[in-house]
Amino acid sequence: MTDEQLKAAGVPAGLVRMSCGLENAQDLIDDIAQALEKVK
């Protein structure tokens, strides 16, 4: 979504949304670590 669309939807800048399901714990940790590396 564009910045304008996010603002219109009421999503503040810097919001992080996480959703967890029945997955291997290490897979979740690896996914989070990979995402955090991209925002450095």
Protein backbone atom coordinates (compact mmCIF):
# COMPACT_ATOMS: atom_id res chain seq x y z
CA MET A 1 0.00 0.00 0.00
CA THR A 2 1.12 3.56 -0.57
CA ASP A 3 1.77 5.95 2.30
CA GLU A 4 -1.47 7.74 1.45
CA GLN A 5 -3.48 4.51 1.51
CA LEU A 6 -1.98 3.50 4.85
CA LYS A 7 -2.79 6.90 6.34
CA ALA A 8 -6.35 6.74 5.01
CA ALA A 9 -6.75 3.29 6.58
CA GLY A 10 -5.58 4.62 9.93
CA VAL A 11 -2.32 2.66 9.95
CA PRO A 12 0.38 4.69 11.74
CA ALA A 13 3.95 4.89 10.45
CA GLY A 14 6.19 2.33 12.07
CA LEU A 15 3.40 -0.13 12.84
CA VAL A 16 4.55 -3.75 12.85
CA ARG A 17 1.92 -6.44 12.52
CA MET A 18 2.76 -9.98 13.40
CA SER A 19 0.67 -13.07 12.94
CA CYS A 20 1.70 -16.45 14.30
CA GLY A 21 0.27 -19.83 13.59
CA LEU A 22 1.25 -23.41 14.06
CA GLU A 23 4.73 -23.34 12.60
CA ASN A 24 8.12 -24.53 13.61
CA ALA A 25 9.52 -22.06 16.14
CA GLN A 26 12.86 -21.82 14.33
CA ASP A 27 11.07 -20.93 11.06
CA LEU A 28 9.36 -18.02 12.83
CA ILE A 29 12.62 -16.84 14.38
CA ASP A 30 14.37 -17.03 11.00
CA ASP A 31 11.56 -15.08 9.29
CA ILE A 32 11.66 -12.33 11.91
CA ALA A 33 15.47 -12.10 11.75
CA GLN A 34 15.33 -11.85 7.96
CA ALA A 35 12.72 -9.07 8.10
CA LEU A 36 14.72 -7.12 10.69
CA GLU A 37 17.85 -7.33 8.52
CA LYS A 38 15.93 -5.67 5.66
CA VAL A 39 14.97 -2.64 7.78
CA LYS A 40 18.48 -1.91 9.03
